[in-house]
């Protein structure tokens, strides 16, 4: 199960994820983001309450990063130890920006 809370402020969009981002929930997040990134120059993912991320979830973050490279910046904040370890093991720590 994944809860997605979006908070838009001018050109900034904050996406708070809670639960599991996996093959079941990644398409929901991807669809949700598709219409939300127009005009956004800063995308923030708050992963404080994200318990798990799979390769499908990583793919959604990577595609969001590619979009944001063209129109602004993307950062990931409040990563838990378990999720941070997945980023480290997969090499995503080097690709994505963390705060």
N, C-alpha and C. Protein backbone atom coordinates (compact mmCIF):
# COMPACT_ATOMS: atom_id res chain seq x y z
N UNK A 1 0.84 -1.20 0.00
CA UNK A 1 0.00 0.00 0.00
C UNK A 1 0.88 1.25 0.00
N UNK A 2 0.48 2.24 -0.78
CA UNK A 2 1.24 3.47 -0.87
C UNK A 2 0.29 4.66 -0.76
N UNK A 3 0.61 5.58 0.15
CA UNK A 3 -0.11 6.85 0.23
C UNK A 3 0.74 7.91 -0.44
N UNK A 4 0.11 8.70 -1.32
CA UNK A 4 0.80 9.77 -2.02
C UNK A 4 0.13 11.08 -1.63
N UNK A 5 0.91 11.96 -1.01
CA UNK A 5 0.39 13.29 -0.67
C UNK A 5 1.20 14.32 -1.43
N UNK A 6 0.50 15.14 -2.20
CA UNK A 6 1.18 16.17 -2.98
C UNK A 6 0.86 17.55 -2.44
N UNK A 7 1.88 18.38 -2.38
CA UNK A 7 1.73 19.73 -1.88
C UNK A 7 2.41 20.67 -2.87
N UNK A 8 1.61 21.41 -3.63
CA UNK A 8 2.16 22.32 -4.64
C UNK A 8 2.23 23.73 -4.08
N UNK A 9 3.35 24.40 -4.35
CA UNK A 9 3.54 25.77 -3.91
C UNK A 9 4.28 26.51 -5.01
N UNK A 10 3.57 27.33 -5.77
CA UNK A 10 4.14 28.02 -6.93
C UNK A 10 4.72 26.99 -7.88
N UNK A 11 6.04 27.06 -8.16
CA UNK A 11 6.67 26.13 -9.09
C UNK A 11 7.28 24.92 -8.40
N UNK A 12 6.96 24.76 -7.12
CA UNK A 12 7.55 23.67 -6.33
C UNK A 12 6.48 22.63 -6.03
N UNK A 13 6.84 21.37 -6.19
CA UNK A 13 5.92 20.28 -5.87
C UNK A 13 6.60 19.34 -4.89
N UNK A 14 5.96 19.12 -3.75
CA UNK A 14 6.48 18.19 -2.75
C UNK A 14 5.58 16.96 -2.75
N UNK A 15 6.21 15.80 -2.92
CA UNK A 15 5.48 14.53 -2.94
C UNK A 15 5.93 13.71 -1.73
N UNK A 16 4.99 13.47 -0.82
CA UNK A 16 5.29 12.69 0.38
C UNK A 16 4.76 11.27 0.15
N UNK A 17 5.67 10.31 0.24
CA UNK A 17 5.30 8.91 0.02
C UNK A 17 5.31 8.16 1.35
N UNK A 18 4.27 7.37 1.55
CA UNK A 18 4.15 6.60 2.79
C UNK A 18 3.75 5.18 2.45
N UNK A 19 4.53 4.21 2.93
CA UNK A 19 4.22 2.80 2.68
C UNK A 19 5.27 2.13 1.83
N UNK A 20 4.81 1.41 0.79
CA UNK A 20 5.71 0.65 -0.07
C UNK A 20 5.59 1.11 -1.52
N UNK A 21 6.72 1.39 -2.13
CA UNK A 21 6.75 1.74 -3.56
C UNK A 21 7.33 0.53 -4.28
N UNK A 22 6.43 -0.29 -4.86
CA UNK A 22 6.85 -1.53 -5.50
C UNK A 22 6.11 -1.72 -6.82
N UNK A 23 6.19 -2.93 -7.38
CA UNK A 23 5.58 -3.17 -8.69
C UNK A 23 4.07 -2.93 -8.69
N UNK A 24 3.43 -3.09 -7.54
CA UNK A 24 1.99 -2.88 -7.44
C UNK A 24 1.64 -1.39 -7.41
N UNK A 25 2.45 -0.59 -6.68
CA UNK A 25 2.09 0.81 -6.45
C UNK A 25 2.82 1.80 -7.36
N UNK A 26 3.93 1.37 -7.98
CA UNK A 26 4.71 2.28 -8.84
C UNK A 26 3.88 2.86 -10.00
N UNK A 27 3.06 2.04 -10.69
CA UNK A 27 2.25 2.62 -11.78
C UNK A 27 1.30 3.73 -11.31
N UNK A 28 0.79 3.60 -10.08
CA UNK A 28 -0.09 4.63 -9.52
C UNK A 28 0.66 5.94 -9.35
N UNK A 29 1.88 5.85 -8.79
CA UNK A 29 2.69 7.05 -8.60
C UNK A 29 3.05 7.66 -9.95
N UNK A 30 3.43 6.82 -10.90
CA UNK A 30 3.82 7.30 -12.22
C UNK A 30 2.67 8.06 -12.89
N UNK A 31 1.48 7.48 -12.83
CA UNK A 31 0.29 8.11 -13.42
C UNK A 31 -0.03 9.42 -12.70
N UNK A 32 0.11 9.40 -11.38
CA UNK A 32 -0.18 10.57 -10.56
C UNK A 32 0.78 11.72 -10.91
N UNK A 33 2.03 11.40 -11.13
CA UNK A 33 3.03 12.43 -11.42
C UNK A 33 2.90 12.99 -12.83
N UNK A 34 2.45 12.14 -13.76
CA UNK A 34 2.42 12.53 -15.17
C UNK A 34 1.79 13.89 -15.41
N UNK A 35 0.63 14.12 -14.81
CA UNK A 35 -0.06 15.37 -15.01
C UNK A 35 0.35 16.48 -14.04
N UNK A 36 1.25 16.15 -13.12
CA UNK A 36 1.56 17.09 -12.04
C UNK A 36 2.84 17.89 -12.26
N UNK A 37 3.66 17.49 -13.24
CA UNK A 37 4.98 18.10 -13.36
C UNK A 37 5.05 19.28 -14.32
N UNK A 38 3.96 19.58 -15.01
CA UNK A 38 3.94 20.73 -15.92
C UNK A 38 4.20 22.02 -15.15
N UNK A 39 5.23 22.76 -15.54
CA UNK A 39 5.51 24.04 -14.91
C UNK A 39 6.26 23.93 -13.59
N UNK A 40 6.56 22.72 -13.15
CA UNK A 40 7.27 22.53 -11.89
C UNK A 40 8.78 22.67 -12.13
N UNK A 41 9.43 23.52 -11.33
CA UNK A 41 10.88 23.68 -11.48
C UNK A 41 11.64 23.02 -10.33
N UNK A 42 10.93 22.69 -9.24
CA UNK A 42 11.57 21.95 -8.15
C UNK A 42 10.62 20.86 -7.67
N UNK A 43 11.11 19.62 -7.77
CA UNK A 43 10.33 18.47 -7.32
C UNK A 43 11.04 17.87 -6.11
N UNK A 44 10.29 17.73 -5.03
CA UNK A 44 10.85 17.19 -3.79
C UNK A 44 10.10 15.90 -3.44
N UNK A 45 10.84 14.83 -3.25
CA UNK A 45 10.25 13.59 -2.74
C UNK A 45 10.63 13.46 -1.28
N UNK A 46 9.64 13.41 -0.41
CA UNK A 46 9.87 13.20 1.02
C UNK A 46 9.62 11.72 1.31
N UNK A 47 10.68 10.99 1.65
CA UNK A 47 10.57 9.54 1.82
C UNK A 47 10.64 9.10 3.28
N UNK A 48 10.38 10.02 4.19
CA UNK A 48 10.49 9.71 5.62
C UNK A 48 9.66 8.49 6.01
N UNK A 49 8.46 8.35 5.43
CA UNK A 49 7.56 7.26 5.81
C UNK A 49 7.51 6.14 4.77
N UNK A 50 8.47 6.18 3.82
CA UNK A 50 8.54 5.10 2.84
C UNK A 50 9.30 3.93 3.46
N UNK A 51 8.66 2.77 3.48
CA UNK A 51 9.26 1.59 4.14
C UNK A 51 10.11 0.78 3.19
N UNK A 52 9.75 0.79 1.90
CA UNK A 52 10.41 -0.09 0.93
C UNK A 52 10.29 0.51 -0.46
N UNK A 53 11.33 0.32 -1.29
CA UNK A 53 11.27 0.71 -2.69
C UNK A 53 11.86 -0.41 -3.53
N UNK A 54 11.15 -0.80 -4.59
CA UNK A 54 11.63 -1.86 -5.48
C UNK A 54 12.21 -1.24 -6.74
N UNK A 55 12.67 -2.09 -7.66
CA UNK A 55 13.22 -1.59 -8.92
C UNK A 55 12.16 -0.80 -9.70
N UNK A 56 10.90 -1.19 -9.58
CA UNK A 56 9.83 -0.45 -10.26
C UNK A 56 9.71 0.97 -9.69
N UNK A 57 9.85 1.07 -8.38
CA UNK A 57 9.81 2.39 -7.73
C UNK A 57 11.01 3.24 -8.12
N UNK A 58 12.18 2.60 -8.19
CA UNK A 58 13.39 3.31 -8.61
C UNK A 58 13.23 3.84 -10.02
N UNK A 59 12.59 3.06 -10.88
CA UNK A 59 12.37 3.46 -12.27
C UNK A 59 11.51 4.73 -12.34
N UNK A 60 10.48 4.80 -11.49
CA UNK A 60 9.62 6.00 -11.47
C UNK A 60 10.43 7.22 -11.03
N UNK A 61 11.28 7.05 -10.01
CA UNK A 61 12.12 8.17 -9.56
C UNK A 61 13.08 8.60 -10.66
N UNK A 62 13.65 7.62 -11.36
CA UNK A 62 14.59 7.93 -12.43
C UNK A 62 13.92 8.67 -13.58
N UNK A 63 12.71 8.23 -13.96
CA UNK A 63 12.01 8.93 -15.04
C UNK A 63 11.60 10.34 -14.61
N UNK A 64 11.26 10.51 -13.33
CA UNK A 64 10.96 11.85 -12.81
C UNK A 64 12.21 12.73 -12.86
N UNK A 65 13.36 12.13 -12.52
CA UNK A 65 14.63 12.86 -12.57
C UNK A 65 14.92 13.33 -13.99
N UNK A 66 14.67 12.47 -14.97
CA UNK A 66 14.92 12.83 -16.38
C UNK A 66 14.06 14.01 -16.81
N UNK A 67 12.80 13.99 -16.40
CA UNK A 67 11.89 15.10 -16.72
C UNK A 67 12.40 16.38 -16.05
N UNK A 68 12.75 16.28 -14.76
CA UNK A 68 13.17 17.45 -14.01
C UNK A 68 14.53 17.99 -14.47
N UNK A 69 15.38 17.14 -15.05
CA UNK A 69 16.66 17.62 -15.59
C UNK A 69 16.41 18.67 -16.68
N UNK A 70 15.28 18.55 -17.38
CA UNK A 70 14.96 19.47 -18.48
C UNK A 70 14.31 20.75 -17.97
N UNK A 71 13.64 20.69 -16.82
CA UNK A 71 12.86 21.86 -16.41
C UNK A 71 13.18 22.38 -15.02
N UNK A 72 14.19 21.80 -14.36
CA UNK A 72 14.51 22.28 -13.02
C UNK A 72 15.34 21.29 -12.25
N UNK A 73 14.92 21.00 -11.01
CA UNK A 73 15.70 20.12 -10.14
C UNK A 73 14.78 19.20 -9.35
N UNK A 74 15.35 18.06 -8.96
CA UNK A 74 14.63 17.12 -8.13
C UNK A 74 15.52 16.72 -6.96
N UNK A 75 14.95 16.72 -5.76
CA UNK A 75 15.70 16.27 -4.59
C UNK A 75 14.87 15.26 -3.80
N UNK A 76 15.58 14.41 -3.08
CA UNK A 76 14.94 13.42 -2.23
C UNK A 76 15.35 13.74 -0.80
N UNK A 77 14.36 13.82 0.09
CA UNK A 77 14.64 14.18 1.47
C UNK A 77 14.14 13.09 2.43
N UNK A 78 14.68 13.14 3.65
CA UNK A 78 14.22 12.28 4.76
C UNK A 78 14.19 10.80 4.43
N UNK A 79 15.26 10.31 3.80
CA UNK A 79 15.31 8.89 3.44
C UNK A 79 15.62 8.04 4.67
N UNK A 80 14.82 7.00 4.89
CA UNK A 80 15.07 6.09 6.01
C UNK A 80 16.32 5.26 5.71
N UNK A 81 16.88 4.66 6.75
CA UNK A 81 18.09 3.84 6.57
C UNK A 81 17.86 2.70 5.60
N UNK A 82 16.73 2.02 5.73
CA UNK A 82 16.43 0.87 4.87
C UNK A 82 16.35 1.28 3.40
N UNK A 83 15.66 2.39 3.12
CA UNK A 83 15.52 2.86 1.74
C UNK A 83 16.85 3.41 1.24
N UNK A 84 17.59 4.11 2.10
CA UNK A 84 18.90 4.65 1.72
C UNK A 84 19.83 3.52 1.30
N UNK A 85 19.76 2.40 2.00
CA UNK A 85 20.60 1.25 1.67
C UNK A 85 20.28 0.73 0.27
N UNK A 86 19.01 0.72 -0.10
CA UNK A 86 18.61 0.28 -1.45
C UNK A 86 19.18 1.25 -2.49
N UNK A 87 19.12 2.55 -2.22
CA UNK A 87 19.72 3.53 -3.13
C UNK A 87 21.22 3.29 -3.28
N UNK A 88 21.89 3.00 -2.16
CA UNK A 88 23.34 2.77 -2.17
C UNK A 88 23.70 1.52 -2.98
N UNK A 89 23.00 0.42 -2.69
CA UNK A 89 23.30 -0.86 -3.34
C UNK A 89 23.07 -0.79 -4.85
N UNK A 90 22.04 -0.06 -5.27
CA UNK A 90 21.69 0.00 -6.70
C UNK A 90 22.49 1.08 -7.44
N UNK A 91 23.23 1.90 -6.71
CA UNK A 91 23.98 2.98 -7.35
C UNK A 91 23.15 4.23 -7.57
N UNK A 92 21.89 4.22 -7.15
CA UNK A 92 21.03 5.38 -7.33
C UNK A 92 21.47 6.57 -6.47
N UNK A 93 22.25 6.28 -5.42
CA UNK A 93 22.77 7.37 -4.58
C UNK A 93 23.63 8.33 -5.39
N UNK A 94 24.26 7.80 -6.45
CA UNK A 94 25.12 8.63 -7.30
C UNK A 94 24.35 9.36 -8.38
N UNK A 95 23.15 8.87 -8.69
CA UNK A 95 22.36 9.44 -9.79
C UNK A 95 21.42 10.53 -9.29
N UNK A 96 20.80 10.28 -8.13
CA UNK A 96 19.79 11.19 -7.60
C UNK A 96 20.39 12.16 -6.59
N UNK A 97 19.70 13.27 -6.35
CA UNK A 97 20.17 14.27 -5.38
C UNK A 97 19.43 14.09 -4.06
N UNK A 98 20.18 14.09 -2.98
CA UNK A 98 19.60 13.92 -1.64
C UNK A 98 19.87 15.12 -0.78
N UNK A 99 18.94 15.44 0.10
CA UNK A 99 19.13 16.54 1.07
C UNK A 99 18.90 16.00 2.46
